[in-house]
């Protein structure tokens, strides 16, 4: 496999045994490559062009492992819907860390690759639908310029798995800056071995935040950097109407990437309480709660760092609490600036917040499509809608137009700002479902089409009208974890 250009340098594999289990993917009967992300492969300096489909299927199912790989399942814990549990990769195997020519390191992980020591009662397998969902949504997020894990390939295993019904098995190849999570720190902290926690802290800083390697208080600096990154990430989710759906601490990446596309979906009609996950009965992870839960998860991370923030435990708790409490101010400032960008507002104005909130209140009241409202304001809406002739909206629009004229703002300037921040297309729930149902029946054309359209979300493409319509599935639409 030397012609592929794999370049594995596996550092996590060398960490203490308590961090992971050495385990190979469980071979599958009849692997069949469904989709390969050639543009991502090119970014990773990988060349699969000389490998036939049969051989690719073996590679991306884990039936044949590349030279230099060291397969492990990572240990981590997590607060799942608020309840703490010791976890780990129950159906995923990290085969190694690939380094590109630009010296960037990426985890290559198989998801759905069979049982590990952390599987508990699970079968370690994944179904085709959820793996293709992760492929579609993670690649859409990347095109939307939102930090995310990526998807390199999906392979059918040729084996059926039992969920609520019999489903086709599949394996996703996930690419990430790393798979270190808040839950990784929680797992090691729960073992109460400070030397292991120090090892994880140093490893994380080495890998993701080398700029603070020589800091006087590395733990505190790391906490501040991760607060900043997570604020940026969640503000971006809010910008495009993305609902993650399962913001457990084991699904918060230390690198600041979106990870785990289980019951996620994009909001159509604007409703802050939007929930898609079938298991989120109380709305803990609703669209409007995402910032609140981010802060909560960060507080759990801060708890793990207490021994390194200050030798005096009480003082360390005080400092950590003060630091976590900066979240609201940082988030609010980033959020309001993001909304200014969506509305093309240059500079600052005391009335901006009320202008923004009045629009959102109107959208909520009238159940207007979130994405298409901003397209309408750019004169790029998919169709004329009577709702935008509403008097309250027209009055708001006059105020908005007046505000646009401030700070030497020109129409070119504000339209360009809006176009860079407001997607024309998002993964509409009905189109995603259409692609997944067709794929399960062996027709991959809708999948290929939606992937092509979502590659250029900020451009006015031909033939995308159907991909801009509010989903007829509406508020009843439910998503599932796929475990």
Protein backbone atom coordinates (compact mmCIF):
# COMPACT_ATOMS: atom_id res chain seq x y z
CA UNK A 1 0.00 0.00 0.00
CA UNK A 2 3.03 2.29 -0.33
CA UNK A 3 1.51 3.86 -3.48
CA UNK A 4 -1.32 5.31 -1.33
CA UNK A 5 1.17 7.47 0.65
CA UNK A 6 0.01 6.59 4.16
CA UNK A 7 2.38 8.20 6.65
CA UNK A 8 1.54 6.94 10.13
CA UNK A 9 3.27 8.35 13.22
CA UNK A 10 1.20 7.01 16.09
CA UNK A 11 1.71 8.96 19.31
CA UNK A 12 -1.54 8.12 21.16
CA UNK A 13 -0.65 4.43 20.82
CA UNK A 14 2.42 5.11 22.97
CA UNK A 15 0.44 6.56 25.90
CA UNK A 16 -0.10 4.41 29.05
CA UNK A 17 -2.29 1.30 28.77
CA UNK A 18 -5.08 2.93 30.80
CA UNK A 19 -5.74 5.35 27.91
CA UNK A 20 -6.75 2.65 25.40
CA UNK A 21 -7.09 -0.95 24.37
CA UNK A 22 -4.97 -2.47 21.59
CA UNK A 23 -7.54 -4.04 19.26
CA UNK A 24 -7.93 -4.68 15.53
CA UNK A 25 -11.11 -4.13 13.54
CA UNK A 26 -13.23 -7.29 13.35
CA UNK A 27 -13.11 -8.51 9.70
CA UNK A 28 -16.36 -8.36 7.70
CA UNK A 29 -17.81 -10.83 5.22
CA UNK A 30 -18.23 -8.93 2.00
CA UNK A 31 -17.02 -5.30 2.09
CA UNK A 32 -18.28 -3.03 -0.69
CA UNK A 33 -17.16 0.60 -1.06
CA UNK A 34 -20.15 2.95 -1.30
CA UNK A 35 -18.48 6.37 -1.36
CA UNK A 36 -14.90 7.68 -1.31
CA UNK A 37 -14.10 11.34 -0.60
CA UNK A 38 -11.48 12.02 -3.27
CA UNK A 39 -11.08 15.73 -2.50
CA UNK A 40 -10.38 14.97 1.18
CA UNK A 41 -7.98 12.19 0.15
CA UNK A 42 -6.12 14.78 -1.94
CA UNK A 43 -5.94 17.18 1.04
CA UNK A 44 -4.43 14.33 3.05
CA UNK A 45 -1.90 13.62 0.24
CA UNK A 46 -3.43 10.15 -0.19
CA UNK A 47 -3.72 8.64 -3.65
CA UNK A 48 -6.25 5.87 -4.18
CA UNK A 49 -6.37 6.20 -7.97
CA UNK A 50 -4.32 3.07 -8.66
CA UNK A 51 -6.30 0.87 -6.23
CA UNK A 52 -9.29 -1.06 -7.56
CA UNK A 53 -12.67 -1.00 -5.82
CA UNK A 54 -12.29 -4.48 -4.35
CA UNK A 55 -8.99 -3.55 -2.69
CA UNK A 56 -10.40 -0.18 -1.49
CA UNK A 57 -13.33 -2.03 0.08
CA UNK A 58 -10.89 -4.24 2.03
CA UNK A 59 -8.89 -1.19 3.18
CA UNK A 60 -11.89 0.86 4.37
CA UNK A 61 -13.54 -2.08 6.12
CA UNK A 62 -10.40 -2.82 8.14
CA UNK A 63 -10.05 -6.26 6.53
CA UNK A 64 -6.61 -5.12 5.34
CA UNK A 65 -4.70 -2.67 7.55
CA UNK A 66 -2.12 -0.24 6.13
CA UNK A 67 1.56 -0.59 7.00
CA UNK A 68 2.44 1.53 10.01
CA UNK A 69 -1.04 1.49 11.54
CA UNK A 70 -1.54 0.59 15.22
CA UNK A 71 -5.19 -0.10 15.99
CA UNK A 72 -6.58 1.02 19.33
CA UNK A 73 -9.91 1.75 20.98
CA UNK A 74 -9.68 4.91 23.09
CA UNK A 75 -10.93 5.09 26.67
CA UNK A 76 -13.09 8.03 27.75
CA UNK A 77 -15.97 8.86 30.05
CA UNK A 78 -18.91 11.19 29.62
CA UNK A 79 -21.84 12.97 31.12
CA UNK A 80 -24.64 11.57 28.96
CA UNK A 81 -27.74 13.69 29.43
CA UNK A 82 -26.15 14.81 32.71
CA UNK A 83 -25.32 11.34 34.07
CA UNK A 84 -21.66 10.35 34.43
CA UNK A 85 -20.58 7.05 32.83
CA UNK A 86 -17.22 5.39 32.12
CA UNK A 87 -17.18 4.75 28.39
CA UNK A 88 -14.76 4.26 25.49
CA UNK A 89 -14.79 3.41 21.79
CA UNK A 90 -17.42 0.68 21.81
CA UNK A 91 -17.68 0.45 18.03
CA UNK A 92 -14.73 2.44 16.75
CA UNK A 93 -11.06 1.76 16.19
CA UNK A 94 -8.37 4.38 15.67
CA UNK A 95 -6.01 2.80 13.14
CA UNK A 96 -3.36 5.50 13.40
CA UNK A 97 -2.31 9.12 12.98
CA UNK A 98 -1.55 10.10 9.41
CA UNK A 99 0.82 13.05 8.86
CA UNK A 100 0.54 15.12 5.67
CA UNK A 101 3.36 16.74 3.71
CA UNK A 102 2.46 20.01 5.47
CA UNK A 103 3.17 18.20 8.76
CA UNK A 104 -0.50 18.20 9.84
CA UNK A 105 -1.54 15.20 11.90
CA UNK A 106 -4.93 13.50 11.51
CA UNK A 107 -6.56 10.56 13.28
CA UNK A 108 -7.89 7.91 10.90
CA UNK A 109 -10.71 6.06 12.63
CA UNK A 110 -13.10 3.29 11.58
CA UNK A 111 -16.60 3.64 13.04
CA UNK A 112 -18.69 0.46 13.14
CA UNK A 113 -15.64 -1.81 13.09
CA UNK A 114 -16.72 -4.37 15.70
CA UNK A 115 -16.56 -5.07 19.42
CA UNK A 116 -13.92 -3.66 21.76
CA UNK A 117 -13.37 -3.85 25.52
CA UNK A 118 -15.69 -0.80 25.80
CA UNK A 119 -18.66 -2.24 23.83
CA UNK A 120 -20.64 -3.18 26.95
CA UNK A 121 -23.76 -4.90 25.51
CA UNK A 122 -23.32 -3.45 22.01
CA UNK A 123 -22.41 -5.37 18.87
CA UNK A 124 -19.75 -2.84 17.85
CA UNK A 125 -21.37 -2.37 14.47
CA UNK A 126 -23.06 0.51 12.64
CA UNK A 127 -25.85 0.76 10.07
CA UNK A 128 -25.55 2.15 6.55
CA UNK A 129 -28.06 5.01 7.07
CA UNK A 130 -26.39 6.64 10.11
CA UNK A 131 -22.91 6.29 8.56
CA UNK A 132 -24.04 7.98 5.35
CA UNK A 133 -25.79 10.66 7.44
CA UNK A 134 -22.49 11.41 9.19
CA UNK A 135 -20.77 11.52 5.80
CA UNK A 136 -23.31 13.98 4.35
CA UNK A 137 -23.55 16.29 7.37
CA UNK A 138 -19.86 16.37 8.27
CA UNK A 139 -18.91 17.21 4.68
CA UNK A 140 -21.66 19.87 4.56
CA UNK A 141 -20.25 21.39 7.77
CA UNK A 142 -16.77 21.50 6.28
CA UNK A 143 -18.10 23.31 3.19
CA UNK A 144 -19.93 25.75 5.50
CA UNK A 145 -16.49 26.60 6.99
CA UNK A 146 -17.34 25.14 10.39
CA UNK A 147 -14.63 23.16 12.25
CA UNK A 148 -15.52 19.49 11.98
CA UNK A 149 -14.34 15.92 11.76
CA UNK A 150 -14.47 14.74 8.14
CA UNK A 151 -15.59 11.58 6.35
CA UNK A 152 -13.22 9.78 4.00
CA UNK A 153 -15.24 6.69 3.02
CA UNK A 154 -18.24 4.49 3.73
CA UNK A 155 -18.19 0.74 3.10
CA UNK A 156 -21.09 -1.72 3.32
CA UNK A 157 -20.00 -4.76 5.32
CA UNK A 158 -22.19 -7.36 3.60
CA UNK A 159 -23.59 -8.21 7.04
CA UNK A 160 -26.93 -7.31 8.59
CA UNK A 161 -27.27 -5.82 12.06
CA UNK A 162 -30.21 -5.92 14.44
CA UNK A 163 -31.66 -2.63 15.69
CA UNK A 164 -35.42 -1.92 15.88
CA UNK A 165 -35.35 -3.84 12.59
CA UNK A 166 -32.73 -5.62 10.47
CA UNK A 167 -30.39 -3.08 8.80
CA UNK A 168 -27.42 -3.22 6.45
CA UNK A 169 -24.08 -2.94 8.24
CA UNK A 170 -21.55 -0.25 7.29
CA UNK A 171 -18.23 1.26 8.38
CA UNK A 172 -17.37 4.97 8.17
CA UNK A 173 -13.79 6.20 7.98
CA UNK A 174 -13.61 9.36 10.09
CA UNK A 175 -10.78 11.90 9.92
CA UNK A 176 -10.16 14.21 12.90
CA UNK A 177 -7.43 16.48 14.28
CA UNK A 178 -7.68 14.03 17.18
CA UNK A 179 -10.35 12.19 19.14
CA UNK A 180 -9.39 13.69 22.52
CA UNK A 181 -12.59 14.75 24.25
CA UNK A 182 -13.65 16.42 27.48
CA UNK A 183 -14.66 12.85 28.34
CA UNK A 184 -11.07 11.67 27.84
CA UNK A 185 -9.98 14.02 30.63
CA UNK A 186 -12.92 12.88 32.76
CA UNK A 187 -11.94 9.23 32.35
CA UNK A 188 -8.32 9.81 33.38
CA UNK A 189 -9.33 12.20 36.21
CA UNK A 190 -11.73 9.56 37.58
CA UNK A 191 -8.79 7.17 37.95
CA UNK A 192 -7.29 9.66 40.43
CA UNK A 193 -3.74 9.20 39.17
CA UNK A 194 -2.30 12.68 38.82
CA UNK A 195 0.69 11.52 36.76
CA UNK A 196 -1.65 10.10 34.07
CA UNK A 197 -3.65 13.34 34.04
CA UNK A 198 -0.40 15.30 33.65
CA UNK A 199 0.55 13.04 30.73
CA UNK A 200 -2.80 13.73 29.01
CA UNK A 201 -2.53 17.48 29.66
CA UNK A 202 0.99 17.64 28.19
CA UNK A 203 0.01 15.44 25.22
CA UNK A 204 -3.04 17.60 24.40
CA UNK A 205 -1.02 20.83 24.55
CA UNK A 206 1.74 19.31 22.41
CA UNK A 207 -0.73 18.19 19.81
CA UNK A 208 -3.23 21.05 19.68
CA UNK A 209 -1.91 24.09 21.54
CA UNK A 210 1.92 24.13 21.31
CA UNK A 211 1.86 27.92 21.73
CA UNK A 212 1.31 27.46 25.50
CA UNK A 213 3.96 24.75 26.05
CA UNK A 214 6.17 27.13 28.03
CA UNK A 215 3.37 28.88 29.90
CA UNK A 216 3.51 29.36 33.68
CA UNK A 217 -0.03 27.96 34.04
CA UNK A 218 -0.63 25.59 31.15
CA UNK A 219 -3.89 24.19 32.53
CA UNK A 220 -5.50 27.62 32.92
CA UNK A 221 -4.28 28.77 29.51
CA UNK A 222 -5.64 25.58 27.96
CA UNK A 223 -9.02 26.18 29.59
CA UNK A 224 -9.15 29.74 28.21
CA UNK A 225 -8.19 28.60 24.70
CA UNK A 226 -10.82 25.86 24.68
CA UNK A 227 -13.52 28.26 25.94
CA UNK A 228 -12.64 30.51 22.98
CA UNK A 229 -12.69 27.64 20.46
CA UNK A 230 -15.94 26.16 21.72
CA UNK A 231 -17.58 29.59 21.66
CA UNK A 232 -16.52 30.00 18.03
CA UNK A 233 -17.82 26.54 17.19
CA UNK A 234 -21.25 26.90 18.78
CA UNK A 235 -21.73 30.41 17.37
CA UNK A 236 -21.14 28.83 13.95
CA UNK A 237 -23.73 26.14 14.68
CA UNK A 238 -26.22 28.85 15.61
CA UNK A 239 -25.34 30.78 12.45
CA UNK A 240 -26.53 27.98 10.15
CA UNK A 241 -29.31 26.53 12.34
CA UNK A 242 -27.47 23.31 13.19
CA UNK A 243 -28.76 21.21 16.09
CA UNK A 244 -26.13 18.73 17.30
CA UNK A 245 -28.60 16.69 19.30
CA UNK A 246 -26.25 14.82 21.64
CA UNK A 247 -23.90 17.26 23.36
CA UNK A 248 -22.63 14.82 25.96
CA UNK A 249 -19.14 15.58 27.32
CA UNK A 250 -17.75 12.64 25.36
CA UNK A 251 -18.90 14.45 22.20
CA UNK A 252 -17.00 17.68 22.92
CA UNK A 253 -13.65 17.63 21.17
CA UNK A 254 -10.63 19.35 22.73
CA UNK A 255 -9.57 20.49 19.24
CA UNK A 256 -12.78 22.53 18.82
CA UNK A 257 -14.16 20.38 15.98
CA UNK A 258 -17.75 19.20 15.65
CA UNK A 259 -17.72 15.49 16.46
CA UNK A 260 -20.34 12.74 16.38
CA UNK A 261 -23.18 13.27 13.92
CA UNK A 262 -25.75 11.01 15.55
CA UNK A 263 -29.22 12.56 15.89
CA UNK A 264 -28.19 15.92 14.38
CA UNK A 265 -30.18 17.94 11.84
CA UNK A 266 -30.64 21.49 10.56
CA UNK A 267 -33.54 23.67 11.67
CA UNK A 268 -36.05 24.74 9.01
CA UNK A 269 -38.69 27.03 10.55
CA UNK A 270 -37.09 29.19 13.22
CA UNK A 271 -37.89 27.86 16.68
CA UNK A 272 -35.28 28.18 19.46
CA UNK A 273 -36.67 25.05 21.14
CA UNK A 274 -36.10 22.83 18.10
CA UNK A 275 -35.15 19.26 19.03
CA UNK A 276 -34.70 16.43 16.54
CA UNK A 277 -33.25 13.65 18.70
CA UNK A 278 -35.75 10.92 19.54
CA UNK A 279 -34.12 10.40 22.95
CA UNK A 280 -33.98 14.08 24.00
CA UNK A 281 -37.41 14.10 25.63
CA UNK A 282 -36.69 17.13 27.85
CA UNK A 283 -35.03 19.31 25.21
CA UNK A 284 -31.70 19.38 27.05
CA UNK A 285 -29.86 19.72 23.73
CA UNK A 286 -32.37 21.96 21.92
CA UNK A 287 -31.05 24.62 19.51
CA UNK A 288 -31.34 27.41 22.10
CA UNK A 289 -29.66 25.34 24.83
CA UNK A 290 -26.46 24.66 22.88
CA UNK A 291 -24.53 27.61 24.39
CA UNK A 292 -25.74 26.73 27.91
CA UNK A 293 -24.68 23.09 27.54
CA UNK A 294 -21.33 24.15 26.08
CA UNK A 295 -20.65 26.13 29.25
CA UNK A 296 -21.80 23.19 31.39
CA UNK A 297 -19.47 20.82 29.53
CA UNK A 298 -16.58 23.27 29.87
CA UNK A 299 -17.19 23.39 33.63
CA UNK A 300 -16.79 19.58 33.71
CA UNK A 301 -13.51 19.99 31.81
CA UNK A 302 -12.34 22.65 34.27
CA UNK A 303 -12.99 20.24 37.16
CA UNK A 304 -10.47 17.81 35.66
CA UNK A 305 -7.79 20.54 35.59
CA UNK A 306 -8.16 21.65 39.23
CA UNK A 307 -4.92 19.91 40.44
CA UNK A 308 -2.87 21.89 37.88
CA UNK A 309 -4.51 25.33 38.13
CA UNK A 310 -3.26 26.02 41.66
CA UNK A 311 -1.67 23.96 44.45
CA UNK A 312 -4.29 25.34 46.83
CA UNK A 313 -7.46 23.43 45.86
CA UNK A 314 -9.88 26.15 47.08
CA UNK A 315 -7.97 28.79 45.14
CA UNK A 316 -7.91 26.53 42.05
CA UNK A 317 -11.70 26.10 42.22
CA UNK A 318 -12.16 29.86 42.59
CA UNK A 319 -9.94 30.58 39.55
CA UNK A 320 -11.63 27.86 37.45
CA UNK A 321 -15.10 29.18 38.38
CA UNK A 322 -14.15 32.77 37.47
CA UNK A 323 -12.73 31.54 34.15
CA UNK A 324 -15.81 29.50 33.26
CA UNK A 325 -18.00 32.49 34.13
CA UNK A 326 -16.35 34.51 31.36
CA UNK A 327 -18.20 32.24 28.91
CA UNK A 328 -21.42 34.28 28.65
CA UNK A 329 -19.66 37.54 27.83
CA UNK A 330 -17.36 35.93 25.24
CA UNK A 331 -20.25 33.99 23.68
CA UNK A 332 -22.65 36.95 23.58
CA UNK A 333 -20.09 39.18 21.87
CA UNK A 334 -19.28 36.52 19.27
CA UNK A 335 -22.98 35.74 18.72
CA UNK A 336 -24.02 39.36 18.19
CA UNK A 337 -21.11 39.91 15.78
CA UNK A 338 -22.12 36.76 13.90
CA UNK A 339 -25.69 38.07 13.60
CA UNK A 340 -24.37 41.46 12.45
CA UNK A 341 -22.50 39.61 9.68
CA UNK A 342 -25.64 37.69 8.69
CA UNK A 343 -27.48 41.02 8.38
CA UNK A 344 -24.61 42.83 6.64
CA UNK A 345 -24.15 45.33 9.48
CA UNK A 346 -20.77 47.06 9.52
CA UNK A 347 -19.45 48.53 12.78
CA UNK A 348 -21.38 48.78 16.03
CA UNK A 349 -24.66 50.41 17.00
CA UNK A 350 -26.42 50.42 20.38
CA UNK A 351 -29.69 49.33 18.74
CA UNK A 352 -28.20 46.30 16.93
CA UNK A 353 -29.24 43.81 19.58
CA UNK A 354 -32.89 44.89 19.53
CA UNK A 355 -32.86 44.90 15.70
CA UNK A 356 -31.56 41.30 15.69
CA UNK A 357 -33.91 40.06 18.43
CA UNK A 358 -36.94 41.69 16.81
CA UNK A 359 -36.25 39.82 13.57
CA UNK A 360 -35.81 36.49 15.38
CA UNK A 361 -38.99 37.08 17.43
CA UNK A 362 -40.95 37.75 14.23
CA UNK A 363 -39.47 34.66 12.54
CA UNK A 364 -40.44 32.51 15.52
CA UNK A 365 -43.96 33.93 15.71
CA UNK A 366 -44.57 33.42 11.98
CA UNK A 367 -42.66 30.07 11.81
CA UNK A 368 -40.54 31.40 8.96
CA UNK A 369 -37.71 29.39 7.44
CA UNK A 370 -34.45 30.43 9.14
CA UNK A 371 -32.07 29.96 6.18
CA UNK A 372 -34.45 31.36 3.57
CA UNK A 373 -35.19 34.54 5.56
CA UNK A 374 -31.56 35.63 5.18
CA UNK A 375 -31.58 34.53 1.53
CA UNK A 376 -34.67 36.73 1.06
CA UNK A 377 -32.84 39.71 2.64
CA UNK A 378 -30.06 39.19 0.05
CA UNK A 379 -32.70 38.98 -2.74
CA UNK A 380 -31.63 35.36 -3.27
CA UNK A 381 -34.69 33.57 -1.92
CA UNK A 382 -35.84 30.40 -3.69
CA UNK A 383 -39.34 31.81 -4.27
CA UNK A 384 -41.57 34.77 -3.44
CA UNK A 385 -43.35 34.19 -0.14
CA UNK A 386 -46.37 36.13 1.13
CA UNK A 387 -45.03 36.06 4.69
CA UNK A 388 -42.42 38.67 3.69
CA UNK A 389 -45.24 41.08 2.76
CA UNK A 390 -46.30 41.10 6.43
CA UNK A 391 -46.47 44.66 7.87
CA UNK A 392 -44.37 43.87 10.95
CA UNK A 393 -41.63 42.47 8.73
CA UNK A 394 -41.81 45.46 6.35
CA UNK A 395 -41.52 47.87 9.31
CA UNK A 396 -38.50 45.91 10.58
CA UNK A 397 -36.99 46.01 7.09
CA UNK A 398 -37.14 49.83 7.04
CA UNK A 399 -35.19 49.95 10.33
CA UNK A 400 -32.66 47.43 8.93
CA UNK A 401 -32.18 49.45 5.70
CA UNK A 402 -31.53 52.61 7.74
CA UNK A 403 -28.94 50.77 9.84
CA UNK A 404 -27.23 49.46 6.69
CA UNK A 405 -26.49 53.04 5.59
CA UNK A 406 -24.35 53.74 8.69
CA UNK A 407 -20.54 53.43 8.94
CA UNK A 408 -19.92 54.10 5.23
CA UNK A 409 -21.59 50.82 4.35
CA UNK A 410 -22.09 50.26 0.62
CA UNK A 411 -24.42 47.72 -0.98
CA UNK A 412 -21.41 45.77 -2.36
CA UNK A 413 -19.89 45.64 1.11
CA UNK A 414 -22.95 44.45 2.98
CA UNK A 415 -24.12 42.00 0.31
CA UNK A 416 -20.67 40.37 0.21
CA UNK A 417 -20.64 40.15 4.01
CA UNK A 418 -24.07 38.52 3.97
CA UNK A 419 -23.17 36.13 1.16
CA UNK A 420 -20.13 34.89 3.10
CA UNK A 421 -22.22 34.17 6.21
CA UNK A 422 -25.59 32.98 4.91
CA UNK A 423 -25.71 29.66 3.07
CA UNK A 424 -28.05 29.28 0.12
CA UNK A 425 -28.36 25.57 0.87
CA UNK A 426 -28.16 23.43 4.00
CA UNK A 427 -28.74 19.68 4.34
CA UNK A 428 -32.54 19.83 4.27
CA UNK A 429 -34.00 17.01 6.32
CA UNK A 430 -36.28 15.66 3.59
CA UNK A 431 -33.45 15.62 1.01
CA UNK A 432 -31.09 13.87 3.43
CA UNK A 433 -33.76 11.24 4.16
CA UNK A 434 -34.44 10.85 0.44
CA UNK A 435 -30.74 10.14 -0.20
CA UNK A 436 -30.48 7.70 2.73
CA UNK A 437 -33.62 5.73 1.80
CA UNK A 438 -32.48 5.46 -1.84
CA UNK A 439 -28.98 4.34 -0.77
CA UNK A 440 -30.45 1.61 1.41
CA UNK A 441 -32.26 0.39 -1.73
CA UNK A 442 -29.02 0.43 -3.71
CA UNK A 443 -29.56 3.74 -5.57
CA UNK A 444 -26.71 6.14 -4.76
CA UNK A 445 -27.62 8.88 -7.27
CA UNK A 446 -29.53 11.07 -4.75
CA UNK A 447 -26.53 10.74 -2.38
CA UNK A 448 -24.07 11.84 -5.07
CA UNK A 449 -26.36 14.73 -6.05
CA UNK A 450 -26.85 16.11 -2.52
CA UNK A 451 -23.12 15.83 -1.79
CA UNK A 452 -22.35 17.81 -4.96
CA UNK A 453 -24.82 20.58 -4.09
CA UNK A 454 -23.66 20.85 -0.46
CA UNK A 455 -20.03 21.31 -1.60
CA UNK A 456 -20.83 24.94 -2.57
CA UNK A 457 -23.38 26.16 -0.02
CA UNK A 458 -22.71 29.89 -0.49
CA UNK A 459 -23.15 29.93 -4.27
CA UNK A 460 -26.38 30.39 -6.26
CA UNK A 461 -26.24 27.08 -8.12
CA UNK A 462 -28.57 25.97 -10.91
CA UNK A 463 -31.17 23.36 -10.10
CA UNK A 464 -31.06 23.76 -6.31
CA UNK A 465 -34.59 25.06 -5.79
CA UNK A 466 -35.80 21.73 -4.39
CA UNK A 467 -32.84 21.73 -1.97
CA UNK A 468 -33.87 25.15 -0.60
CA UNK A 469 -37.45 24.31 0.35
CA UNK A 470 -38.54 24.02 3.96
CA UNK A 471 -38.77 20.32 4.79
CA UNK A 472 -42.35 19.00 4.58
CA UNK A 473 -41.36 16.63 7.42
CA UNK A 474 -41.71 19.65 9.74
CA UNK A 475 -41.49 19.55 13.51
CA UNK A 476 -42.41 15.86 13.62
CA UNK A 477 -39.05 14.93 12.08
CA UNK A 478 -37.04 12.69 14.43
CA UNK A 479 -33.48 11.46 14.25
CA UNK A 480 -31.82 8.53 16.00
CA UNK A 481 -28.34 7.85 17.39
CA UNK A 482 -27.82 4.77 15.23
CA UNK A 483 -26.23 2.78 18.06
